[in-house]
Amino acid sequence: MRQLKFRAYNRSAEVWVENLSEQEIGYLEIPSIYTKIMQFTGLLDKNGVEIYEGDVVSHSQAGALTIQYIQNKCKFEAVKVRDDSLSVMYNLTRNMATKRLEIIGNIYQNPELLEEK
């Protein structure tokens, strides 16, 4: 059974509220100081770190990728945004995560990681 966990980023205090359960999310009034709540993908990167929606990961061949929940596919994918109109999606599998991905930041604290060099 997949573990459902969530986290939220408090922009004003610049701290993470970690390990929020599904039940806590249902009862929690998230003030506007919090960025979007991010869900745990159920996967760990090659260093054993939990991968959440919104994380930026490094892939040896693809470079920096963003972990996103793709609504119409009902799953998480690693996405490389090439410009405003084109993105490449990589199927986020356990094998890919544990062997090829390393978390290098997240879209809220490290947006510069997504800039093309």
PDB file of N, CA and C in Angstrom:
ATOM      1  N   MET A   1       0.839  -1.184   0.000  1.00  0.00           N
ATOM      2  CA  MET A   1       0.000   0.000   0.000  1.00  0.00           C
ATOM      3  C   MET A   1       0.882   1.245   0.000  1.00  0.00           C
ATOM      4  N   ARG A   2       0.547   2.196  -0.838  1.00  0.00           N
ATOM      5  CA  ARG A   2       1.316   3.422  -0.958  1.00  0.00           C
ATOM      6  C   ARG A   2       1.050   4.340   0.227  1.00  0.00           C
ATOM      7  N   GLN A   3       2.132   4.909   0.739  1.00  0.00           N
ATOM      8  CA  GLN A   3       2.035   5.812   1.878  1.00  0.00           C
ATOM      9  C   GLN A   3       1.691   7.215   1.393  1.00  0.00           C
ATOM     10  N   LEU A   4       0.633   7.789   1.931  1.00  0.00           N
ATOM     11  CA  LEU A   4       0.250   9.156   1.587  1.00  0.00           C
ATOM     12  C   LEU A   4       0.807  10.102   2.638  1.00  0.00           C
ATOM     13  N   LYS A   5       1.706  10.989   2.186  1.00  0.00           N
ATOM     14  CA  LYS A   5       2.282  12.017   3.053  1.00  0.00           C
ATOM     15  C   LYS A   5       2.334  13.307   2.265  1.00  0.00           C
ATOM     16  N   PHE A   6       2.328  14.403   2.993  1.00  0.00           N
ATOM     17  CA  PHE A   6       2.334  15.709   2.365  1.00  0.00           C
ATOM     18  C   PHE A   6       3.301  16.626   3.106  1.00  0.00           C
ATOM     19  N   ARG A   7       3.683  17.715   2.446  1.00  0.00           N
ATOM     20  CA  ARG A   7       4.465  18.770   3.075  1.00  0.00           C
ATOM     21  C   ARG A   7       3.997  20.102   2.499  1.00  0.00           C
ATOM     22  N   ALA A   8       4.253  21.175   3.244  1.00  0.00           N
ATOM     23  CA  ALA A   8       3.892  22.520   2.784  1.00  0.00           C
ATOM     24  C   ALA A   8       5.040  23.448   3.136  1.00  0.00           C
ATOM     25  N   TYR A   9       5.239  24.467   2.318  1.00  0.00           N
ATOM     26  CA  TYR A   9       6.320  25.421   2.541  1.00  0.00           C
ATOM     27  C   TYR A   9       5.742  26.732   3.055  1.00  0.00           C
ATOM     28  N   ASN A  10       6.231  27.190   4.199  1.00  0.00           N
ATOM     29  CA  ASN A  10       5.819  28.463   4.780  1.00  0.00           C
ATOM     30  C   ASN A  10       6.749  29.528   4.218  1.00  0.00           C
ATOM     31  N   ARG A  11       6.248  30.327   3.291  1.00  0.00           N
ATOM     32  CA  ARG A  11       7.073  31.324   2.605  1.00  0.00           C
ATOM     33  C   ARG A  11       7.599  32.409   3.531  1.00  0.00           C
ATOM     34  N   SER A  12       6.789  32.848   4.471  1.00  0.00           N
ATOM     35  CA  SER A  12       7.228  33.950   5.321  1.00  0.00           C
ATOM     36  C   SER A  12       8.320  33.521   6.300  1.00  0.00           C
ATOM     37  N   ALA A  13       8.211  32.337   6.863  1.00  0.00           N
ATOM     38  CA  ALA A  13       9.222  31.846   7.807  1.00  0.00           C
ATOM     39  C   ALA A  13      10.326  31.062   7.103  1.00  0.00           C
ATOM     40  N   GLU A  14      10.112  30.756   5.821  1.00  0.00           N
ATOM     41  CA  GLU A  14      11.054  29.970   5.021  1.00  0.00           C
ATOM     42  C   GLU A  14      11.388  28.634   5.675  1.00  0.00           C
ATOM     43  N   VAL A  15      10.336  27.926   6.098  1.00  0.00           N
ATOM     44  CA  VAL A  15      10.500  26.600   6.693  1.00  0.00           C
ATOM     45  C   VAL A  15       9.475  25.643   6.095  1.00  0.00           C
ATOM     46  N   TRP A  16       9.805  24.375   6.137  1.00  0.00           N
ATOM     47  CA  TRP A  16       8.896  23.324   5.681  1.00  0.00           C
ATOM     48  C   TRP A  16       8.087  22.790   6.840  1.00  0.00           C
ATOM     49  N   VAL A  17       6.830  22.522   6.596  1.00  0.00           N
ATOM     50  CA  VAL A  17       5.992  21.768   7.519  1.00  0.00           C
ATOM     51  C   VAL A  17       5.948  20.380   6.902  1.00  0.00           C
ATOM     52  N   GLU A  18       6.617  19.428   7.542  1.00  0.00           N
ATOM     53  CA  GLU A  18       6.833  18.103   6.968  1.00  0.00           C
ATOM     54  C   GLU A  18       5.875  17.062   7.541  1.00  0.00           C
ATOM     55  N   ASN A  19       5.805  15.947   6.855  1.00  0.00           N
ATOM     56  CA  ASN A  19       5.093  14.744   7.301  1.00  0.00           C
ATOM     57  C   ASN A  19       3.645  14.984   7.674  1.00  0.00           C
ATOM     58  N   LEU A  20       2.964  15.780   6.877  1.00  0.00           N
ATOM     59  CA  LEU A  20       1.530  15.973   7.094  1.00  0.00           C
ATOM     60  C   LEU A  20       0.793  14.758   6.545  1.00  0.00           C
ATOM     61  N   SER A  21      -0.085  14.188   7.327  1.00  0.00           N
ATOM     62  CA  SER A  21      -0.846  13.027   6.869  1.00  0.00           C
ATOM     63  C   SER A  21      -2.072  13.484   6.085  1.00  0.00           C
ATOM     64  N   GLU A  22      -2.691  12.544   5.415  1.00  0.00           N
ATOM     65  CA  GLU A  22      -3.902  12.844   4.658  1.00  0.00           C
ATOM     66  C   GLU A  22      -4.987  13.395   5.586  1.00  0.00           C
ATOM     67  N   GLN A  23      -5.075  12.853   6.792  1.00  0.00           N
ATOM     68  CA  GLN A  23      -6.072  13.312   7.756  1.00  0.00           C
ATOM     69  C   GLN A  23      -5.777  14.740   8.206  1.00  0.00           C
ATOM     70  N   GLU A  24      -4.489  15.070   8.436  1.00  0.00           N
ATOM     71  CA  GLU A  24      -4.127  16.421   8.853  1.00  0.00           C
ATOM     72  C   GLU A  24      -4.457  17.436   7.767  1.00  0.00           C
ATOM     73  N   ILE A  25      -4.251  17.063   6.514  1.00  0.00           N
ATOM     74  CA  ILE A  25      -4.567  17.966   5.402  1.00  0.00           C
ATOM     75  C   ILE A  25      -6.059  18.268   5.386  1.00  0.00           C
ATOM     76  N   GLY A  26      -6.881  17.254   5.646  1.00  0.00           N
ATOM     77  CA  GLY A  26      -8.326  17.434   5.634  1.00  0.00           C
ATOM     78  C   GLY A  26      -8.817  18.393   6.703  1.00  0.00           C
ATOM     79  N   TYR A  27      -8.122  18.441   7.837  1.00  0.00           N
ATOM     80  CA  TYR A  27      -8.548  19.298   8.946  1.00  0.00           C
ATOM     81  C   TYR A  27      -7.752  20.575   9.063  1.00  0.00           C
ATOM     82  N   LEU A  28      -6.672  20.671   8.310  1.00  0.00           N
ATOM     83  CA  LEU A  28      -5.775  21.804   8.433  1.00  0.00           C
ATOM     84  C   LEU A  28      -6.248  22.978   7.591  1.00  0.00           C
ATOM     85  N   GLU A  29      -6.356  24.139   8.204  1.00  0.00           N
ATOM     86  CA  GLU A  29      -6.653  25.367   7.460  1.00  0.00           C
ATOM     87  C   GLU A  29      -5.304  25.929   7.061  1.00  0.00           C
ATOM     88  N   ILE A  30      -4.972  25.848   5.785  1.00  0.00           N
ATOM     89  CA  ILE A  30      -3.681  26.351   5.331  1.00  0.00           C
ATOM     90  C   ILE A  30      -3.792  27.859   5.102  1.00  0.00           C
ATOM     91  N   PRO A  31      -3.082  28.646   5.910  1.00  0.00           N
ATOM     92  CA  PRO A  31      -3.111  30.089   5.688  1.00  0.00           C
ATOM     93  C   PRO A  31      -2.424  30.448   4.369  1.00  0.00           C
ATOM     94  N   SER A  32      -2.640  31.652   3.908  1.00  0.00           N
ATOM     95  CA  SER A  32      -2.071  32.074   2.629  1.00  0.00           C
ATOM     96  C   SER A  32      -0.551  32.156   2.654  1.00  0.00           C
ATOM     97  N   ILE A  33       0.074  32.049   3.836  1.00  0.00           N
ATOM     98  CA  ILE A  33       1.536  32.072   3.898  1.00  0.00           C
ATOM     99  C   ILE A  33       2.139  30.777   3.360  1.00  0.00           C
ATOM    100  N   TYR A  34       1.305  29.749   3.205  1.00  0.00           N
ATOM    101  CA  TYR A  34       1.818  28.483   2.698  1.00  0.00           C
ATOM    102  C   TYR A  34       1.688  28.407   1.189  1.00  0.00           C
ATOM    103  N   THR A  35       2.719  27.868   0.582  1.00  0.00           N
ATOM    104  CA  THR A  35       2.691  27.548  -0.833  1.00  0.00           C
ATOM    105  C   THR A  35       1.846  26.282  -0.979  1.00  0.00           C
ATOM    106  N   LYS A  36       1.584  25.895  -2.171  1.00  0.00           N
ATOM    107  CA  LYS A  36       0.806  24.691  -2.446  1.00  0.00           C
ATOM    108  C   LYS A  36       1.314  23.488  -1.645  1.00  0.00           C
ATOM    109  N   ILE A  37       0.389  22.694  -1.187  1.00  0.00           N
ATOM    110  CA  ILE A  37       0.737  21.473  -0.481  1.00  0.00           C
ATOM    111  C   ILE A  37       1.276  20.473  -1.498  1.00  0.00           C
ATOM    112  N   MET A  38       2.380  19.828  -1.160  1.00  0.00           N
ATOM    113  CA  MET A  38       3.020  18.878  -2.065  1.00  0.00           C
ATOM    114  C   MET A  38       2.895  17.455  -1.535  1.00  0.00           C
ATOM    115  N   GLN A  39       2.611  16.533  -2.436  1.00  0.00           N
ATOM    116  CA  GLN A  39       2.401  15.144  -2.053  1.00  0.00           C
ATOM    117  C   GLN A  39       3.654  14.314  -2.292  1.00  0.00           C
ATOM    118  N   PHE A  40       3.913  13.378  -1.399  1.00  0.00           N
ATOM    119  CA  PHE A  40       5.002  12.414  -1.525  1.00  0.00           C
ATOM    120  C   PHE A  40       4.686  11.468  -2.677  1.00  0.00           C
ATOM    121  N   THR A  41       5.663  11.223  -3.545  1.00  0.00           N
ATOM    122  CA  THR A  41       5.447  10.354  -4.708  1.00  0.00           C
ATOM    123  C   THR A  41       5.464   8.869  -4.347  1.00  0.00           C
ATOM    124  N   GLY A  42       5.979   8.550  -3.178  1.00  0.00           N
ATOM    125  CA  GLY A  42       6.149   7.142  -2.804  1.00  0.00           C
ATOM    126  C   GLY A  42       7.505   6.608  -3.213  1.00  0.00           C
ATOM    127  N   LEU A  43       8.341   7.468  -3.804  1.00  0.00           N
ATOM    128  CA  LEU A  43       9.652   7.051  -4.299  1.00  0.00           C
ATOM    129  C   LEU A  43      10.776   7.777  -3.568  1.00  0.00           C
ATOM    130  N   LEU A  44      11.947   7.143  -3.557  1.00  0.00           N
ATOM    131  CA  LEU A  44      13.149   7.727  -2.987  1.00  0.00           C
ATOM    132  C   LEU A  44      14.160   7.947  -4.097  1.00  0.00           C
ATOM    133  N   ASP A  45      14.987   8.998  -3.964  1.00  0.00           N
ATOM    134  CA  ASP A  45      16.030   9.222  -4.964  1.00  0.00           C
ATOM    135  C   ASP A  45      17.202   8.271  -4.694  1.00  0.00           C
ATOM    136  N   LYS A  46      18.293   8.409  -5.458  1.00  0.00           N
ATOM    137  CA  LYS A  46      19.415   7.483  -5.329  1.00  0.00           C
ATOM    138  C   LYS A  46      20.140   7.599  -3.992  1.00  0.00           C
ATOM    139  N   ASN A  47      19.873   8.674  -3.247  1.00  0.00           N
ATOM    140  CA  ASN A  47      20.462   8.848  -1.912  1.00  0.00           C
ATOM    141  C   ASN A  47      19.491   8.464  -0.794  1.00  0.00           C
ATOM    142  N   GLY A  48      18.325   7.934  -1.159  1.00  0.00           N
ATOM    143  CA  GLY A  48      17.341   7.526  -0.164  1.00  0.00           C
ATOM    144  C   GLY A  48      16.476   8.655   0.358  1.00  0.00           C
ATOM    145  N   VAL A  49      16.457   9.803  -0.335  1.00  0.00           N
ATOM    146  CA  VAL A  49      15.657  10.963   0.078  1.00  0.00           C
ATOM    147  C   VAL A  49      14.281  10.889  -0.580  1.00  0.00           C
ATOM    148  N   GLU A  50      13.243  11.156   0.193  1.00  0.00           N
ATOM    149  CA  GLU A  50      11.876  11.123  -0.332  1.00  0.00           C
ATOM    150  C   GLU A  50      11.682  12.166  -1.431  1.00  0.00           C
ATOM    151  N   ILE A  51      11.030  11.754  -2.520  1.00  0.00           N
ATOM    152  CA  ILE A  51      10.752  12.650  -3.638  1.00  0.00           C
ATOM    153  C   ILE A  51       9.313  13.148  -3.528  1.00  0.00           C
ATOM    154  N   TYR A  52       9.154  14.482  -3.522  1.00  0.00           N
ATOM    155  CA  TYR A  52       7.840  15.111  -3.433  1.00  0.00           C
ATOM    156  C   TYR A  52       7.542  15.867  -4.714  1.00  0.00           C
ATOM    157  N   GLU A  53       6.263  16.059  -4.966  1.00  0.00           N
ATOM    158  CA  GLU A  53       5.812  16.956  -6.025  1.00  0.00           C
ATOM    159  C   GLU A  53       6.463  18.320  -5.794  1.00  0.00           C
ATOM    160  N   GLY A  54       6.976  18.933  -6.857  1.00  0.00           N
ATOM    161  CA  GLY A  54       7.628  20.225  -6.739  1.00  0.00           C
ATOM    162  C   GLY A  54       9.133  20.149  -6.554  1.00  0.00           C
ATOM    163  N   ASP A  55       9.667  18.953  -6.316  1.00  0.00           N
ATOM    164  CA  ASP A  55      11.115  18.812  -6.196  1.00  0.00           C
ATOM    165  C   ASP A  55      11.767  18.980  -7.559  1.00  0.00           C
ATOM    166  N   VAL A  56      12.986  19.482  -7.544  1.00  0.00           N
ATOM    167  CA  VAL A  56      13.807  19.534  -8.745  1.00  0.00           C
ATOM    168  C   VAL A  56      14.860  18.453  -8.569  1.00  0.00           C
ATOM    169  N   VAL A  57      14.953  17.587  -9.558  1.00  0.00           N
ATOM    170  CA  VAL A  57      15.895  16.478  -9.499  1.00  0.00           C
ATOM    171  C   VAL A  57      16.885  16.579 -10.648  1.00  0.00           C
ATOM    172  N   SER A  58      18.053  16.023 -10.424  1.00  0.00           N
ATOM    173  CA  SER A  58      19.071  15.982 -11.455  1.00  0.00           C
ATOM    174  C   SER A  58      19.088  14.583 -12.060  1.00  0.00           C
ATOM    175  N   HIS A  59      19.085  14.517 -13.372  1.00  0.00           N
ATOM    176  CA  HIS A  59      19.174  13.255 -14.117  1.00  0.00           C
ATOM    177  C   HIS A  59      20.432  13.351 -14.959  1.00  0.00           C
ATOM    178  N   SER A  60      21.257  12.311 -14.948  1.00  0.00           N
ATOM    179  CA  SER A  60      22.560  12.370 -15.611  1.00  0.00           C
ATOM    180  C   SER A  60      22.471  12.745 -17.082  1.00  0.00           C
ATOM    181  N   GLN A  61      21.437  12.340 -17.776  1.00  0.00           N
ATOM    182  CA  GLN A  61      21.329  12.633 -19.202  1.00  0.00           C
ATOM    183  C   GLN A  61      20.370  13.782 -19.506  1.00  0.00           C
ATOM    184  N   ALA A  62      19.288  13.886 -18.759  1.00  0.00           N
ATOM    185  CA  ALA A  62      18.264  14.887 -19.064  1.00  0.00           C
ATOM    186  C   ALA A  62      18.503  16.225 -18.364  1.00  0.00           C
ATOM    187  N   GLY A  63      19.353  16.257 -17.353  1.00  0.00           N
ATOM    188  CA  GLY A  63      19.593  17.496 -16.610  1.00  0.00           C
ATOM    189  C   GLY A  63      18.567  17.694 -15.507  1.00  0.00           C
ATOM    190  N   ALA A  64      18.193  18.944 -15.250  1.00  0.00           N
ATOM    191  CA  ALA A  64      17.241  19.270 -14.184  1.00  0.00           C
ATOM    192  C   ALA A  64      15.814  18.986 -14.642  1.00  0.00           C
ATOM    193  N   LEU A  65      15.078  18.255 -13.818  1.00  0.00           N
ATOM    194  CA  LEU A  65      13.686  17.905 -14.082  1.00  0.00           C
ATOM    195  C   LEU A  65      12.841  18.302 -12.883  1.00  0.00           C
ATOM    196  N   THR A  66      11.597  18.646 -13.130  1.00  0.00           N
ATOM    197  CA  THR A  66      10.651  18.972 -12.064  1.00  0.00           C
ATOM    198  C   THR A  66       9.691  17.811 -11.876  1.00  0.00           C
ATOM    199  N   ILE A  67       9.418  17.467 -10.634  1.00  0.00           N
ATOM    200  CA  ILE A  67       8.440  16.416 -10.346  1.00  0.00           C
ATOM    201  C   ILE A  67       7.060  17.073 -10.301  1.00  0.00           C
ATOM    202  N   GLN A  68       6.183  16.598 -11.170  1.00  0.00           N
ATOM    203  CA  GLN A  68       4.835  17.174 -11.267  1.00  0.00           C
ATOM    204  C   GLN A  68       3.793  16.067 -11.259  1.00  0.00           C
ATOM    205  N   TYR A  69       2.633  16.390 -10.701  1.00  0.00           N
ATOM    206  CA  TYR A  69       1.491  15.482 -10.797  1.00  0.00           C
ATOM    207  C   TYR A  69       0.750  15.848 -12.080  1.00  0.00           C
ATOM    208  N   ILE A  70       0.595  14.876 -12.970  1.00  0.00           N
ATOM    209  CA  ILE A  70      -0.073  15.098 -14.245  1.00  0.00           C
ATOM    210  C   ILE A  70      -1.521  14.645 -14.090  1.00  0.00           C
ATOM    211  N   GLN A  71      -2.411  15.604 -13.992  1.00  0.00           N
ATOM    212  CA  GLN A  71      -3.821  15.355 -13.675  1.00  0.00           C
ATOM    213  C   GLN A  71      -4.492  14.392 -14.659  1.00  0.00           C
ATOM    214  N   ASN A  72      -4.323  14.626 -15.963  1.00  0.00           N
ATOM    215  CA  ASN A  72      -5.047  13.789 -16.928  1.00  0.00           C
ATOM    216  C   ASN A  72      -4.485  12.376 -17.032  1.00  0.00           C
ATOM    217  N   LYS A  73      -3.302  12.124 -16.463  1.00  0.00           N
ATOM    218  CA  LYS A  73      -2.727  10.775 -16.434  1.00  0.00           C
ATOM    219  C   LYS A  73      -2.819  10.150 -15.041  1.00  0.00           C
ATOM    220  N   CYS A  74      -3.193  10.963 -14.053  1.00  0.00           N
ATOM    221  CA  CYS A  74      -3.303  10.516 -12.654  1.00  0.00           C
ATOM    222  C   CYS A  74      -2.008   9.886 -12.156  1.00  0.00           C
ATOM    223  N   LYS A  75      -0.877  10.561 -12.436  1.00  0.00           N
ATOM    224  CA  LYS A  75       0.401  10.046 -11.946  1.00  0.00           C
ATOM    225  C   LYS A  75       1.445  11.159 -11.919  1.00  0.00           C
ATOM    226  N   PHE A  76       2.531  10.876 -11.185  1.00  0.00           N
ATOM    227  CA  PHE A  76       3.655  11.791 -11.117  1.00  0.00           C
ATOM    228  C   PHE A  76       4.592  11.520 -12.277  1.00  0.00           C
ATOM    229  N   GLU A  77       5.184  12.587 -12.830  1.00  0.00           N
ATOM    230  CA  GLU A  77       6.179  12.447 -13.886  1.00  0.00           C
ATOM    231  C   GLU A  77       7.298  13.451 -13.646  1.00  0.00           C
ATOM    232  N   ALA A  78       8.456  13.151 -14.212  1.00  0.00           N
ATOM    233  CA  ALA A  78       9.591  14.063 -14.196  1.00  0.00           C
ATOM    234  C   ALA A  78       9.518  14.855 -15.498  1.00  0.00           C
ATOM    235  N   VAL A  79       9.461  16.173 -15.395  1.00  0.00           N
ATOM    236  CA  VAL A  79       9.185  17.018 -16.557  1.00  0.00           C
ATOM    237  C   VAL A  79      10.351  17.970 -16.825  1.00  0.00           C
ATOM    238  N   LYS A  80      10.746  18.035 -18.080  1.00  0.00           N
ATOM    239  CA  LYS A  80      11.767  18.981 -18.541  1.00  0.00           C
ATOM    240  C   LYS A  80      11.046  20.023 -19.386  1.00  0.00           C
ATOM    241  N   VAL A  81      11.018  21.262 -18.915  1.00  0.00           N
ATOM    242  CA  VAL A  81      10.366  22.329 -19.665  1.00  0.00           C
ATOM    243  C   VAL A  81      11.415  22.976 -20.558  1.00  0.00           C
ATOM    244  N   ARG A  82      11.194  22.913 -21.861  1.00  0.00           N
ATOM    245  CA  ARG A  82      12.166  23.452 -22.815  1.00  0.00           C
ATOM    246  C   ARG A  82      11.884  24.915 -23.140  1.00  0.00           C
ATOM    247  N   ASP A  83      10.638  25.292 -23.228  1.00  0.00           N
ATOM    248  CA  ASP A  83      10.224  26.687 -23.377  1.00  0.00           C
ATOM    249  C   ASP A  83       8.761  26.756 -22.965  1.00  0.00           C
ATOM    250  N   ASP A  84       8.112  27.868 -23.176  1.00  0.00           N
ATOM    251  CA  ASP A  84       6.736  28.028 -22.708  1.00  0.00           C
ATOM    252  C   ASP A  84       5.751  27.047 -23.322  1.00  0.00           C
ATOM    253  N   SER A  85       6.065  26.523 -24.499  1.00  0.00           N
ATOM    254  CA  SER A  85       5.075  25.698 -25.183  1.00  0.00           C
ATOM    255  C   SER A  85       5.438  24.220 -25.271  1.00  0.00           C
ATOM    256  N   LEU A  86       6.638  23.833 -24.867  1.00  0.00           N
ATOM    257  CA  LEU A  86       7.070  22.453 -25.057  1.00  0.00           C
ATOM    258  C   LEU A  86       7.653  21.891 -23.780  1.00  0.00           C
ATOM    259  N   SER A  87       7.202  20.731 -23.394  1.00  0.00           N
ATOM    260  CA  SER A  87       7.814  20.044 -22.258  1.00  0.00           C
ATOM    261  C   SER A  87       7.938  18.568 -22.603  1.00  0.00           C
ATOM    262  N   VAL A  88       8.957  17.947 -22.047  1.00  0.00           N
ATOM    263  CA  VAL A  88       9.195  16.529 -22.257  1.00  0.00           C
ATOM    264  C   VAL A  88       8.923  15.835 -20.930  1.00  0.00           C
ATOM    265  N   MET A  89       8.120  14.795 -20.946  1.00  0.00           N
ATOM    266  CA  MET A  89       7.765  14.096 -19.716  1.00  0.00           C
ATOM    267  C   MET A  89       8.441  12.737 -19.679  1.00  0.00           C
ATOM    268  N   TYR A  90       9.002  12.427 -18.526  1.00  0.00           N
ATOM    269  CA  TYR A  90       9.659  11.144 -18.304  1.00  0.00           C
ATOM    270  C   TYR A  90       8.827  10.363 -17.294  1.00  0.00           C
ATOM    271  N   ASN A  91       8.549   9.122 -17.606  1.00  0.00           N
ATOM    272  CA  ASN A  91       7.801   8.268 -16.717  1.00  0.00           C
ATOM    273  C   ASN A  91       8.593   8.088 -15.425  1.00  0.00           C
ATOM    274  N   LEU A  92       8.025   8.446 -14.305  1.00  0.00           N
ATOM    275  CA  LEU A  92       8.703   8.374 -13.018  1.00  0.00           C
ATOM    276  C   LEU A  92       8.506   6.976 -12.431  1.00  0.00           C
ATOM    277  N   THR A  93       9.530   6.148 -12.548  1.00  0.00           N
ATOM    278  CA  THR A  93       9.461   4.775 -12.040  1.00  0.00           C
ATOM    279  C   THR A  93      10.399   4.617 -10.848  1.00  0.00           C
ATOM    280  N   ARG A  94      10.186   3.568 -10.083  1.00  0.00           N
ATOM    281  CA  ARG A  94      11.051   3.276  -8.933  1.00  0.00           C
ATOM    282  C   ARG A  94      12.495   3.078  -9.395  1.00  0.00           C
ATOM    283  N   ASN A  95      12.685   2.365 -10.502  1.00  0.00           N
ATOM    284  CA  ASN A  95      14.023   2.108 -11.017  1.00  0.00           C
ATOM    285  C   ASN A  95      14.712   3.409 -11.422  1.00  0.00           C
ATOM    286  N   MET A  96      13.992   4.275 -12.126  1.00  0.00           N
ATOM    287  CA  MET A  96      14.566   5.559 -12.539  1.00  0.00           C
ATOM    288  C   MET A  96      14.948   6.393 -11.320  1.00  0.00           C
ATOM    289  N   ALA A  97      14.070   6.441 -10.336  1.00  0.00           N
ATOM    290  CA  ALA A  97      14.299   7.276  -9.157  1.00  0.00           C
ATOM    291  C   ALA A  97      15.502   6.797  -8.358  1.00  0.00           C
ATOM    292  N   THR A  98      15.546   5.526  -8.038  1.00  0.00           N
ATOM    293  CA  THR A  98      16.594   5.015  -7.150  1.00  0.00           C
ATOM    294  C   THR A  98      17.954   4.916  -7.812  1.00  0.00           C
ATOM    295  N   LYS A  99      18.003   4.903  -9.130  1.00  0.00           N
ATOM    296  CA  LYS A  99      19.287   4.765  -9.815  1.00  0.00           C
ATOM    297  C   LYS A  99      19.763   6.032 -10.507  1.00  0.00           C
ATOM    298  N   ARG A 100      18.847   6.897 -10.925  1.00  0.00           N
ATOM    299  CA  ARG A 100      19.252   8.020 -11.777  1.00  0.00           C
ATOM    300  C   ARG A 100      18.921   9.410 -11.252  1.00  0.00           C
ATOM    301  N   LEU A 101      18.035   9.516 -10.285  1.00  0.00           N
ATOM    302  CA  LEU A 101      17.606  10.848  -9.841  1.00  0.00           C
ATOM    303  C   LEU A 101      18.241  11.231  -8.513  1.00  0.00           C
ATOM    304  N   GLU A 102      18.563  12.522  -8.401  1.00  0.00           N
ATOM    305  CA  GLU A 102      19.064  13.070  -7.150  1.00  0.00           C
ATOM    306  C   GLU A 102      18.386  14.416  -6.931  1.00  0.00           C
ATOM    307  N   ILE A 103      17.768  14.587  -5.771  1.00  0.00           N
ATOM    308  CA  ILE A 103      17.094  15.849  -5.461  1.00  0.00           C
ATOM    309  C   ILE A 103      18.153  16.936  -5.291  1.00  0.00           C
ATOM    310  N   ILE A 104      17.951  18.051  -6.018  1.00  0.00           N
ATOM    311  CA  ILE A 104      18.885  19.170  -5.930  1.00  0.00           C
ATOM    312  C   ILE A 104      18.208  20.441  -5.433  1.00  0.00           C
ATOM    313  N   GLY A 105      16.916  20.386  -5.185  1.00  0.00           N
ATOM    314  CA  GLY A 105      16.184  21.546  -4.693  1.00  0.00           C
ATOM    315  C   GLY A 105      14.703  21.378  -4.934  1.00  0.00           C
ATOM    316  N   ASN A 106      13.987  22.505  -4.937  1.00  0.00           N
ATOM    317  CA  ASN A 106      12.558  22.481  -5.224  1.00  0.00           C
ATOM    318  C   ASN A 106      12.182  23.779  -5.935  1.00  0.00           C
ATOM    319  N   ILE A 107      11.020  23.773  -6.543  1.00  0.00           N
ATOM    320  CA  ILE A 107      10.610  24.902  -7.378  1.00  0.00           C
ATOM    321  C   ILE A 107      10.343  26.179  -6.590  1.00  0.00           C
ATOM    322  N   TYR A 108      10.169  26.078  -5.273  1.00  0.00           N
ATOM    323  CA  TYR A 108       9.844  27.245  -4.469  1.00  0.00           C
ATOM    324  C   TYR A 108      11.092  27.939  -3.935  1.00  0.00           C
ATOM    325  N   GLN A 109      12.087  27.174  -3.519  1.00  0.00           N
ATOM    326  CA  GLN A 109      13.303  27.744  -2.968  1.00  0.00           C
ATOM    327  C   GLN A 109      14.417  27.883  -4.010  1.00  0.00           C
ATOM    328  N   ASN A 110      14.345  27.107  -5.092  1.00  0.00           N
ATOM    329  CA  ASN A 110      15.424  27.084  -6.078  1.00  0.00           C
ATOM    330  C   ASN A 110      14.911  27.173  -7.514  1.00  0.00           C
ATOM    331  N   PRO A 111      14.125  28.186  -7.872  1.00  0.00           N
ATOM    332  CA  PRO A 111      13.598  28.264  -9.236  1.00  0.00           C
ATOM    333  C   PRO A 111      14.701  28.427 -10.286  1.00  0.00           C
ATOM    334  N   GLU A 112      15.850  28.925  -9.876  1.00  0.00           N
ATOM    335  CA  GLU A 112      16.959  29.100 -10.823  1.00  0.00           C
ATOM    336  C   GLU A 112      17.488  27.776 -11.365  1.00  0.00           C
ATOM    337  N   LEU A 113      17.229  26.680 -10.672  1.00  0.00           N
ATOM    338  CA  LEU A 113      17.685  25.365 -11.139  1.00  0.00           C
ATOM    339  C   LEU A 113      17.025  24.948 -12.449  1.00  0.00           C
ATOM    340  N   LEU A 114      15.884  25.546 -12.741  1.00  0.00           N
ATOM    341  CA  LEU A 114      15.138  25.174 -13.942  1.00  0.00           C
ATOM    342  C   LEU A 114      15.519  25.999 -15.163  1.00  0.00           C
ATOM    343  N   GLU A 115      16.341  27.009 -14.972  1.00  0.00           N
ATOM    344  CA  GLU A 115      16.730  27.865 -16.097  1.00  0.00           C
ATOM    345  C   GLU A 115      17.705  27.124 -16.998  1.00  0.00           C
ATOM    346  N   GLU A 116      17.461  27.212 -18.321  1.00  0.00           N
ATOM    347  CA  GLU A 116      18.358  26.612 -19.293  1.00  0.00           C
ATOM    348  C   GLU A 116      19.683  27.337 -19.271  1.00  0.00           C
ATOM    349  N   LYS A 117      20.739  26.574 -19.355  1.00  0.00           N
ATOM    350  CA  LYS A 117      22.076  27.173 -19.368  1.00  0.00           C
ATOM    351  C   LYS A 117      22.627  27.210 -20.754  1.00  0.00           C
TER     352      LYS A 117
END
